[in-house]
């Protein structure tokens, strides 16, 4: 069993979330389509310290950006299965035009998607303002399996780690 708690936002909670998602290269961004379906797609995580806001670079002409324009409530998920870490952040997507922020986030890797570079008119900054988050953290795969096996043998609940919900 994973111990679950719920807390109000603190700088410690935000730092904890930042530490958990640091180094995760790709996140899954879930949007609601025009038909009301949930659709997730991978997005490149920006090298920006998490402070309750998440930034992505997308294309203005994409289905995902159109979905966020119509239904701004989104979810961003991060996973590090090798470390036993899972994070889910819910928030509101804001489509932003901000040259200084684009300069901060830009990497030449994006030229594969935007051939005209930072001047490409199709570039869309996506700012996710987090409302809350939930994370699950365990001691890793092997220790979790040992805890599950111990629970099966003893009949006791397996202590697999920590689960916390944070309001942001």
N, C-alpha and C. Protein backbone atom coordinates (compact mmCIF):
# COMPACT_ATOMS: atom_id res chain seq x y z
N UNK A 1 0.85 -1.17 0.00
CA UNK A 1 0.00 0.00 0.00
C UNK A 1 0.90 1.24 0.00
N UNK A 2 0.45 2.26 -0.72
CA UNK A 2 1.18 3.52 -0.75
C UNK A 2 0.49 4.47 0.21
N UNK A 3 1.27 5.06 1.10
CA UNK A 3 0.73 6.00 2.08
C UNK A 3 0.32 7.28 1.36
N UNK A 4 -0.94 7.73 1.57
CA UNK A 4 -1.44 8.91 0.88
C UNK A 4 -1.70 10.03 1.87
N UNK A 5 -1.26 11.23 1.50
CA UNK A 5 -1.54 12.42 2.28
C UNK A 5 -1.93 13.53 1.31
N UNK A 6 -2.52 14.58 1.83
CA UNK A 6 -2.92 15.72 1.03
C UNK A 6 -2.46 16.98 1.74
N UNK A 7 -1.86 17.90 1.00
CA UNK A 7 -1.32 19.09 1.65
C UNK A 7 -1.64 20.34 0.86
N UNK A 8 -1.54 21.46 1.55
CA UNK A 8 -1.64 22.77 0.92
C UNK A 8 -0.27 23.11 0.34
N UNK A 9 -0.22 24.05 -0.60
CA UNK A 9 1.06 24.37 -1.23
C UNK A 9 2.05 25.00 -0.26
N UNK A 10 3.26 24.57 -0.35
CA UNK A 10 4.36 25.20 0.37
C UNK A 10 5.56 25.18 -0.56
N UNK A 11 6.56 25.97 -0.23
CA UNK A 11 7.76 25.96 -1.06
C UNK A 11 8.43 24.59 -1.01
N UNK A 12 8.28 23.87 0.11
CA UNK A 12 8.85 22.52 0.21
C UNK A 12 8.16 21.56 -0.75
N UNK A 13 6.82 21.66 -0.87
CA UNK A 13 6.08 20.80 -1.79
C UNK A 13 6.46 21.08 -3.24
N UNK A 14 6.57 22.36 -3.57
CA UNK A 14 6.94 22.73 -4.93
C UNK A 14 8.35 22.23 -5.23
N UNK A 15 9.26 22.36 -4.27
CA UNK A 15 10.62 21.86 -4.47
C UNK A 15 10.61 20.34 -4.64
N UNK A 16 9.78 19.65 -3.86
CA UNK A 16 9.68 18.19 -3.97
C UNK A 16 9.23 17.81 -5.38
N UNK A 17 8.19 18.47 -5.89
CA UNK A 17 7.73 18.19 -7.25
C UNK A 17 8.81 18.51 -8.27
N UNK A 18 9.51 19.62 -8.09
CA UNK A 18 10.59 20.00 -8.99
C UNK A 18 11.67 18.92 -9.01
N UNK A 19 12.03 18.41 -7.83
CA UNK A 19 13.05 17.36 -7.75
C UNK A 19 12.58 16.07 -8.44
N UNK A 20 11.29 15.74 -8.29
CA UNK A 20 10.78 14.51 -8.88
C UNK A 20 10.75 14.56 -10.40
N UNK A 21 10.43 15.73 -10.98
CA UNK A 21 10.32 15.79 -12.44
C UNK A 21 11.60 16.25 -13.13
N UNK A 22 12.57 16.71 -12.34
CA UNK A 22 13.83 17.15 -12.94
C UNK A 22 14.48 15.99 -13.68
N UNK A 23 14.90 16.25 -14.89
CA UNK A 23 15.60 15.24 -15.67
C UNK A 23 14.68 14.34 -16.49
N UNK A 24 13.36 14.50 -16.34
CA UNK A 24 12.44 13.72 -17.18
C UNK A 24 12.36 14.43 -18.52
N UNK A 25 12.84 13.79 -19.57
CA UNK A 25 12.97 14.43 -20.88
C UNK A 25 11.63 14.71 -21.55
N UNK A 26 10.68 13.77 -21.39
CA UNK A 26 9.39 13.94 -22.04
C UNK A 26 8.26 13.80 -21.04
N UNK A 27 7.25 14.62 -21.22
CA UNK A 27 6.03 14.55 -20.41
C UNK A 27 4.88 14.19 -21.35
N UNK A 28 3.82 13.67 -20.79
CA UNK A 28 2.60 13.42 -21.57
C UNK A 28 1.60 14.53 -21.22
N UNK A 29 1.19 15.27 -22.23
CA UNK A 29 0.23 16.36 -22.07
C UNK A 29 -1.13 15.86 -22.55
N UNK A 30 -2.13 15.86 -21.67
CA UNK A 30 -3.46 15.39 -22.00
C UNK A 30 -4.40 16.57 -22.17
N UNK A 31 -5.10 16.58 -23.30
CA UNK A 31 -6.07 17.62 -23.62
C UNK A 31 -7.43 16.97 -23.88
N UNK A 32 -8.46 17.80 -23.91
CA UNK A 32 -9.80 17.33 -24.26
C UNK A 32 -10.10 17.75 -25.69
N UNK A 33 -10.45 16.77 -26.54
CA UNK A 33 -10.73 17.07 -27.94
C UNK A 33 -12.12 17.69 -28.09
N UNK A 34 -12.42 18.15 -29.30
CA UNK A 34 -13.73 18.74 -29.59
C UNK A 34 -14.85 17.74 -29.35
N UNK A 35 -14.56 16.45 -29.50
CA UNK A 35 -15.55 15.40 -29.27
C UNK A 35 -15.68 15.04 -27.80
N UNK A 36 -14.87 15.66 -26.94
CA UNK A 36 -14.92 15.37 -25.51
C UNK A 36 -14.02 14.24 -25.07
N UNK A 37 -13.23 13.70 -25.99
CA UNK A 37 -12.30 12.61 -25.65
C UNK A 37 -11.02 13.19 -25.05
N UNK A 38 -10.38 12.41 -24.20
CA UNK A 38 -9.07 12.80 -23.67
C UNK A 38 -8.01 12.24 -24.59
N UNK A 39 -7.04 13.07 -24.93
CA UNK A 39 -5.97 12.66 -25.84
C UNK A 39 -4.63 13.12 -25.26
N UNK A 40 -3.71 12.18 -25.11
CA UNK A 40 -2.38 12.50 -24.56
C UNK A 40 -1.34 12.40 -25.67
N UNK A 41 -0.36 13.25 -25.58
CA UNK A 41 0.75 13.23 -26.54
C UNK A 41 2.02 13.69 -25.85
N UNK A 42 3.17 13.19 -26.31
CA UNK A 42 4.43 13.55 -25.67
C UNK A 42 4.85 14.98 -26.01
N UNK A 43 5.42 15.64 -25.03
CA UNK A 43 5.96 16.98 -25.19
C UNK A 43 7.35 17.01 -24.55
N UNK A 44 8.24 17.78 -25.13
CA UNK A 44 9.58 17.91 -24.58
C UNK A 44 9.54 18.80 -23.34
N UNK A 45 10.09 18.29 -22.25
CA UNK A 45 10.17 19.04 -21.01
C UNK A 45 11.23 20.13 -21.16
N UNK A 46 10.87 21.34 -20.75
CA UNK A 46 11.81 22.45 -20.83
C UNK A 46 12.78 22.41 -19.66
N UNK A 47 13.97 22.91 -19.89
CA UNK A 47 15.00 22.95 -18.85
C UNK A 47 14.80 24.17 -17.96
N UNK A 48 13.61 24.27 -17.37
CA UNK A 48 13.26 25.39 -16.51
C UNK A 48 12.84 24.82 -15.17
N UNK A 49 13.27 25.43 -14.09
CA UNK A 49 12.92 24.98 -12.75
C UNK A 49 11.41 25.05 -12.55
N UNK A 50 10.80 23.97 -12.08
CA UNK A 50 9.36 23.94 -11.83
C UNK A 50 9.05 24.82 -10.62
N UNK A 51 8.14 25.77 -10.82
CA UNK A 51 7.73 26.66 -9.73
C UNK A 51 6.21 26.72 -9.63
N UNK A 52 5.55 25.73 -10.22
CA UNK A 52 4.10 25.72 -10.31
C UNK A 52 3.64 25.99 -11.73
N UNK A 53 4.56 26.39 -12.58
CA UNK A 53 4.28 26.63 -13.99
C UNK A 53 5.08 25.64 -14.84
N UNK A 54 4.49 25.23 -15.94
CA UNK A 54 5.16 24.35 -16.90
C UNK A 54 5.06 25.02 -18.26
N UNK A 55 6.14 24.97 -19.03
CA UNK A 55 6.18 25.58 -20.36
C UNK A 55 6.49 24.54 -21.41
N UNK A 56 5.81 24.65 -22.55
CA UNK A 56 6.10 23.82 -23.71
C UNK A 56 6.12 24.71 -24.95
N UNK A 57 6.73 24.21 -26.01
CA UNK A 57 6.67 24.86 -27.31
C UNK A 57 5.91 23.92 -28.24
N UNK A 58 4.87 24.45 -28.86
CA UNK A 58 4.06 23.65 -29.77
C UNK A 58 3.82 24.40 -31.07
N UNK A 59 3.00 23.82 -31.92
CA UNK A 59 2.65 24.43 -33.20
C UNK A 59 1.24 24.98 -33.18
N UNK A 60 1.06 26.21 -33.65
CA UNK A 60 -0.26 26.83 -33.68
C UNK A 60 -1.26 26.01 -34.50
N UNK A 61 -0.76 25.30 -35.50
CA UNK A 61 -1.65 24.57 -36.41
C UNK A 61 -1.94 23.14 -35.95
N UNK A 62 -1.56 22.78 -34.73
CA UNK A 62 -1.77 21.41 -34.28
C UNK A 62 -3.13 21.22 -33.63
N UNK A 63 -3.58 19.96 -33.67
CA UNK A 63 -4.83 19.57 -33.03
C UNK A 63 -4.78 19.85 -31.52
N UNK A 64 -3.62 19.62 -30.92
CA UNK A 64 -3.47 19.81 -29.49
C UNK A 64 -3.67 21.27 -29.09
N UNK A 65 -3.08 22.19 -29.83
CA UNK A 65 -3.23 23.62 -29.52
C UNK A 65 -4.68 24.05 -29.73
N UNK A 66 -5.32 23.55 -30.77
CA UNK A 66 -6.74 23.86 -30.99
C UNK A 66 -7.58 23.35 -29.82
N UNK A 67 -7.27 22.17 -29.32
CA UNK A 67 -8.00 21.60 -28.18
C UNK A 67 -7.80 22.46 -26.94
N UNK A 68 -6.58 22.92 -26.70
CA UNK A 68 -6.31 23.76 -25.52
C UNK A 68 -7.00 25.12 -25.63
N UNK A 69 -7.12 25.61 -26.86
CA UNK A 69 -7.80 26.88 -27.06
C UNK A 69 -9.28 26.75 -26.66
N UNK A 70 -9.89 25.62 -26.99
CA UNK A 70 -11.30 25.40 -26.69
C UNK A 70 -11.53 24.91 -25.26
N UNK A 71 -10.64 24.08 -24.76
CA UNK A 71 -10.76 23.48 -23.42
C UNK A 71 -9.42 23.59 -22.72
N UNK A 72 -9.18 24.67 -21.99
CA UNK A 72 -7.84 24.91 -21.42
C UNK A 72 -7.45 23.99 -20.25
N UNK A 73 -8.38 23.24 -19.67
CA UNK A 73 -8.01 22.34 -18.58
C UNK A 73 -7.22 21.15 -19.13
N UNK A 74 -6.01 20.95 -18.61
CA UNK A 74 -5.12 19.91 -19.11
C UNK A 74 -4.49 19.14 -17.95
N UNK A 75 -3.80 18.08 -18.30
CA UNK A 75 -3.03 17.31 -17.33
C UNK A 75 -1.67 17.01 -17.94
N UNK A 76 -0.63 17.12 -17.14
CA UNK A 76 0.73 16.80 -17.56
C UNK A 76 1.24 15.69 -16.66
N UNK A 77 1.71 14.60 -17.26
CA UNK A 77 2.20 13.45 -16.50
C UNK A 77 3.67 13.21 -16.77
N UNK A 78 4.38 12.89 -15.70
CA UNK A 78 5.80 12.57 -15.77
C UNK A 78 6.00 11.19 -15.17
N UNK A 79 6.92 10.41 -15.73
CA UNK A 79 7.19 9.07 -15.18
C UNK A 79 8.69 8.78 -15.23
N UNK A 80 9.16 8.19 -14.14
CA UNK A 80 10.53 7.67 -14.05
C UNK A 80 10.40 6.27 -13.44
N UNK A 81 9.92 5.30 -14.23
CA UNK A 81 9.66 3.96 -13.68
C UNK A 81 10.89 3.32 -13.03
N UNK A 82 12.06 3.61 -13.56
CA UNK A 82 13.28 3.04 -12.99
C UNK A 82 13.54 3.54 -11.57
N UNK A 83 12.98 4.70 -11.24
CA UNK A 83 13.14 5.29 -9.90
C UNK A 83 11.89 5.13 -9.04
N UNK A 84 10.80 4.57 -9.63
CA UNK A 84 9.56 4.43 -8.90
C UNK A 84 8.86 5.76 -8.67
N UNK A 85 8.99 6.70 -9.63
CA UNK A 85 8.43 8.04 -9.48
C UNK A 85 7.41 8.31 -10.59
N UNK A 86 6.23 8.81 -10.17
CA UNK A 86 5.17 9.18 -11.09
C UNK A 86 4.55 10.47 -10.59
N UNK A 87 4.36 11.44 -11.51
CA UNK A 87 3.81 12.74 -11.13
C UNK A 87 2.71 13.12 -12.12
N UNK A 88 1.59 13.60 -11.60
CA UNK A 88 0.48 14.07 -12.42
C UNK A 88 0.16 15.50 -11.98
N UNK A 89 0.19 16.43 -12.94
CA UNK A 89 -0.06 17.84 -12.65
C UNK A 89 -1.29 18.28 -13.45
N UNK A 90 -2.29 18.83 -12.76
CA UNK A 90 -3.45 19.36 -13.48
C UNK A 90 -3.39 20.87 -13.48
N UNK A 91 -3.84 21.47 -14.57
CA UNK A 91 -3.78 22.92 -14.65
C UNK A 91 -4.52 23.47 -15.83
N UNK A 92 -4.28 24.75 -16.08
CA UNK A 92 -4.92 25.46 -17.18
C UNK A 92 -3.87 25.89 -18.18
N UNK A 93 -4.12 25.57 -19.45
CA UNK A 93 -3.21 25.95 -20.53
C UNK A 93 -3.51 27.37 -21.00
N UNK A 94 -2.47 28.15 -21.11
CA UNK A 94 -2.59 29.50 -21.66
C UNK A 94 -1.67 29.55 -22.88
N UNK A 95 -2.21 30.00 -24.00
CA UNK A 95 -1.44 30.12 -25.23
C UNK A 95 -0.85 31.53 -25.25
N UNK A 96 0.48 31.60 -25.28
CA UNK A 96 1.19 32.85 -25.00
C UNK A 96 2.07 33.25 -26.18
N UNK A 97 2.13 34.54 -26.43
CA UNK A 97 3.08 35.14 -27.38
C UNK A 97 4.04 35.98 -26.53
N UNK A 98 5.27 35.53 -26.38
CA UNK A 98 6.23 36.23 -25.53
C UNK A 98 7.63 35.95 -26.06
N UNK A 99 8.19 36.90 -26.77
CA UNK A 99 9.48 36.72 -27.43
C UNK A 99 10.60 36.43 -26.42
N UNK A 100 10.60 37.11 -25.28
CA UNK A 100 11.64 36.90 -24.27
C UNK A 100 11.57 35.47 -23.74
N UNK A 101 10.36 34.97 -23.51
CA UNK A 101 10.20 33.60 -23.00
C UNK A 101 10.62 32.60 -24.07
N UNK A 102 10.29 32.86 -25.33
CA UNK A 102 10.72 31.98 -26.41
C UNK A 102 12.24 31.94 -26.48
N UNK A 103 12.89 33.08 -26.35
CA UNK A 103 14.35 33.12 -26.35
C UNK A 103 14.91 32.27 -25.20
N UNK A 104 14.27 32.32 -24.05
CA UNK A 104 14.70 31.56 -22.87
C UNK A 104 14.57 30.05 -23.10
N UNK A 105 13.48 29.64 -23.73
CA UNK A 105 13.18 28.22 -23.89
C UNK A 105 13.77 27.59 -25.15
N UNK A 106 14.10 28.40 -26.12
CA UNK A 106 14.50 27.90 -27.44
C UNK A 106 15.79 27.07 -27.40
N UNK A 107 15.77 26.03 -28.20
CA UNK A 107 16.96 25.21 -28.43
C UNK A 107 16.96 24.90 -29.92
N UNK A 108 18.13 24.76 -30.51
CA UNK A 108 18.21 24.48 -31.95
C UNK A 108 17.55 23.15 -32.32
N UNK A 109 17.30 22.29 -31.34
CA UNK A 109 16.59 21.05 -31.59
C UNK A 109 15.22 21.33 -32.21
N UNK A 110 14.60 22.46 -31.85
CA UNK A 110 13.27 22.80 -32.34
C UNK A 110 13.25 23.11 -33.83
N UNK A 111 14.42 23.33 -34.43
CA UNK A 111 14.46 23.59 -35.87
C UNK A 111 13.93 22.40 -36.66
N UNK A 112 13.95 21.21 -36.08
CA UNK A 112 13.38 20.04 -36.74
C UNK A 112 11.87 20.20 -36.92
N UNK A 113 11.23 20.96 -36.03
CA UNK A 113 9.79 21.17 -36.09
C UNK A 113 9.44 22.53 -36.69
N UNK A 114 10.34 23.49 -36.51
CA UNK A 114 10.11 24.86 -36.97
C UNK A 114 11.31 25.29 -37.82
N UNK A 115 11.29 24.96 -39.13
CA UNK A 115 12.45 25.19 -40.00
C UNK A 115 12.92 26.65 -40.07
N UNK A 116 12.03 27.58 -39.81
CA UNK A 116 12.42 29.00 -39.85
C UNK A 116 13.02 29.47 -38.53
N UNK A 117 13.26 28.52 -37.62
CA UNK A 117 13.83 28.89 -36.32
C UNK A 117 12.85 29.66 -35.47
N UNK A 118 13.37 30.51 -34.60
CA UNK A 118 12.52 31.28 -33.69
C UNK A 118 11.58 32.24 -34.41
N UNK A 119 11.86 32.49 -35.69
CA UNK A 119 11.02 33.42 -36.46
C UNK A 119 9.83 32.70 -37.09
N UNK A 120 9.74 31.39 -36.95
CA UNK A 120 8.65 30.62 -37.56
C UNK A 120 7.30 31.11 -37.00
N UNK A 121 6.39 31.51 -37.87
CA UNK A 121 5.10 32.04 -37.40
C UNK A 121 4.19 30.97 -36.78
N UNK A 122 4.55 29.71 -36.91
CA UNK A 122 3.73 28.62 -36.36
C UNK A 122 4.06 28.30 -34.90
N UNK A 123 5.09 28.92 -34.34
CA UNK A 123 5.49 28.63 -32.95
C UNK A 123 4.43 29.13 -31.98
N UNK A 124 4.07 28.26 -31.05
CA UNK A 124 3.12 28.62 -30.00
C UNK A 124 3.70 28.25 -28.65
N UNK A 125 3.87 29.22 -27.77
CA UNK A 125 4.26 28.93 -26.39
C UNK A 125 3.02 28.47 -25.63
N UNK A 126 3.20 27.41 -24.86
CA UNK A 126 2.13 26.85 -24.06
C UNK A 126 2.55 26.96 -22.59
N UNK A 127 1.77 27.72 -21.84
CA UNK A 127 2.06 27.94 -20.43
C UNK A 127 1.00 27.20 -19.62
N UNK A 128 1.42 26.21 -18.85
CA UNK A 128 0.50 25.47 -17.99
C UNK A 128 0.62 26.06 -16.59
N UNK A 129 -0.48 26.63 -16.11
CA UNK A 129 -0.54 27.15 -14.75
C UNK A 129 -1.13 26.03 -13.90
N UNK A 130 -0.31 25.45 -13.05
CA UNK A 130 -0.73 24.27 -12.28
C UNK A 130 -1.73 24.64 -11.20
N UNK A 131 -2.79 23.81 -11.10
CA UNK A 131 -3.77 23.94 -10.01
C UNK A 131 -3.42 23.01 -8.87
N UNK A 132 -2.89 21.85 -9.22
CA UNK A 132 -2.57 20.85 -8.22
C UNK A 132 -1.76 19.74 -8.83
N UNK A 133 -1.25 18.87 -7.98
CA UNK A 133 -0.44 17.76 -8.45
C UNK A 133 -0.59 16.59 -7.49
N UNK A 134 -0.31 15.44 -8.00
CA UNK A 134 -0.25 14.24 -7.17
C UNK A 134 0.99 13.47 -7.60
N UNK A 135 1.67 12.92 -6.61
CA UNK A 135 2.84 12.12 -6.96
C UNK A 135 2.85 10.82 -6.18
N UNK A 136 3.51 9.86 -6.79
CA UNK A 136 3.72 8.55 -6.19
C UNK A 136 5.22 8.31 -6.24
N UNK A 137 5.77 7.91 -5.12
CA UNK A 137 7.21 7.67 -5.05
C UNK A 137 7.43 6.41 -4.22
N UNK A 138 8.18 5.49 -4.81
CA UNK A 138 8.51 4.26 -4.08
C UNK A 138 10.02 4.11 -4.05
N UNK A 139 10.44 3.04 -3.41
CA UNK A 139 11.88 2.79 -3.29
C UNK A 139 12.47 2.17 -4.56
N UNK A 140 11.69 2.09 -5.60
CA UNK A 140 12.17 1.48 -6.84
C UNK A 140 11.54 0.12 -7.05
N UNK A 141 11.71 -0.38 -8.24
CA UNK A 141 11.05 -1.60 -8.68
C UNK A 141 11.37 -2.82 -7.82
N UNK A 142 12.62 -3.08 -7.56
CA UNK A 142 13.02 -4.28 -6.83
C UNK A 142 12.48 -4.24 -5.40
N UNK A 143 12.66 -3.12 -4.71
CA UNK A 143 12.17 -3.03 -3.32
C UNK A 143 10.65 -3.11 -3.27
N UNK A 144 9.97 -2.54 -4.26
CA UNK A 144 8.51 -2.63 -4.29
C UNK A 144 8.06 -4.07 -4.47
N UNK A 145 8.75 -4.79 -5.35
CA UNK A 145 8.40 -6.21 -5.55
C UNK A 145 8.63 -7.02 -4.27
N UNK A 146 9.69 -6.71 -3.56
CA UNK A 146 9.96 -7.40 -2.29
C UNK A 146 8.85 -7.10 -1.29
N UNK A 147 8.42 -5.84 -1.22
CA UNK A 147 7.34 -5.46 -0.29
C UNK A 147 6.03 -6.17 -0.66
N UNK A 148 5.73 -6.27 -1.95
CA UNK A 148 4.52 -6.96 -2.39
C UNK A 148 4.60 -8.43 -2.01
N UNK A 149 5.75 -9.06 -2.28
CA UNK A 149 5.92 -10.48 -1.93
C UNK A 149 5.79 -10.69 -0.43
N UNK A 150 6.39 -9.81 0.36
CA UNK A 150 6.28 -9.90 1.82
C UNK A 150 4.82 -9.80 2.25
N UNK A 151 4.07 -8.88 1.64
CA UNK A 151 2.66 -8.72 1.95
C UNK A 151 1.85 -9.96 1.60
N UNK A 152 2.17 -10.60 0.49
CA UNK A 152 1.47 -11.82 0.09
C UNK A 152 1.72 -12.95 1.08
N UNK A 153 2.95 -13.04 1.56
CA UNK A 153 3.31 -14.11 2.49
C UNK A 153 2.72 -13.86 3.88
N UNK A 154 2.80 -12.62 4.35
CA UNK A 154 2.37 -12.32 5.73
C UNK A 154 0.89 -11.93 5.82
N UNK A 155 0.28 -11.58 4.69
CA UNK A 155 -1.10 -11.13 4.71
C UNK A 155 -1.25 -9.67 5.12
N UNK A 156 -0.14 -8.97 5.31
CA UNK A 156 -0.18 -7.56 5.68
C UNK A 156 -0.11 -6.70 4.42
N UNK A 157 -0.58 -5.46 4.55
CA UNK A 157 -0.49 -4.54 3.42
C UNK A 157 0.97 -4.22 3.14
N UNK A 158 1.32 -4.28 1.86
CA UNK A 158 2.69 -3.96 1.47
C UNK A 158 2.89 -2.44 1.51
N UNK A 159 3.93 -1.99 2.17
CA UNK A 159 4.27 -0.57 2.20
C UNK A 159 5.17 -0.28 1.01
N UNK A 160 4.59 0.32 -0.04
CA UNK A 160 5.33 0.51 -1.28
C UNK A 160 5.87 1.91 -1.49
N UNK A 161 5.51 2.84 -0.64
CA UNK A 161 6.05 4.18 -0.84
C UNK A 161 5.08 5.25 -0.40
N UNK A 162 5.19 6.38 -1.05
CA UNK A 162 4.48 7.58 -0.63
C UNK A 162 3.62 8.09 -1.77
N UNK A 163 2.42 8.58 -1.45
CA UNK A 163 1.51 9.20 -2.41
C UNK A 163 1.00 10.49 -1.77
N UNK A 164 1.19 11.61 -2.46
CA UNK A 164 0.76 12.86 -1.88
C UNK A 164 0.07 13.71 -2.94
N UNK A 165 -0.98 14.40 -2.52
CA UNK A 165 -1.69 15.36 -3.36
C UNK A 165 -1.35 16.74 -2.84
N UNK A 166 -1.02 17.64 -3.78
CA UNK A 166 -0.60 19.00 -3.42
C UNK A 166 -1.45 20.00 -4.19
N UNK A 167 -2.02 20.97 -3.50
CA UNK A 167 -2.72 22.07 -4.17
C UNK A 167 -1.69 23.14 -4.51
N UNK A 168 -1.79 23.66 -5.70
CA UNK A 168 -0.83 24.70 -6.12
C UNK A 168 -1.55 26.01 -6.39
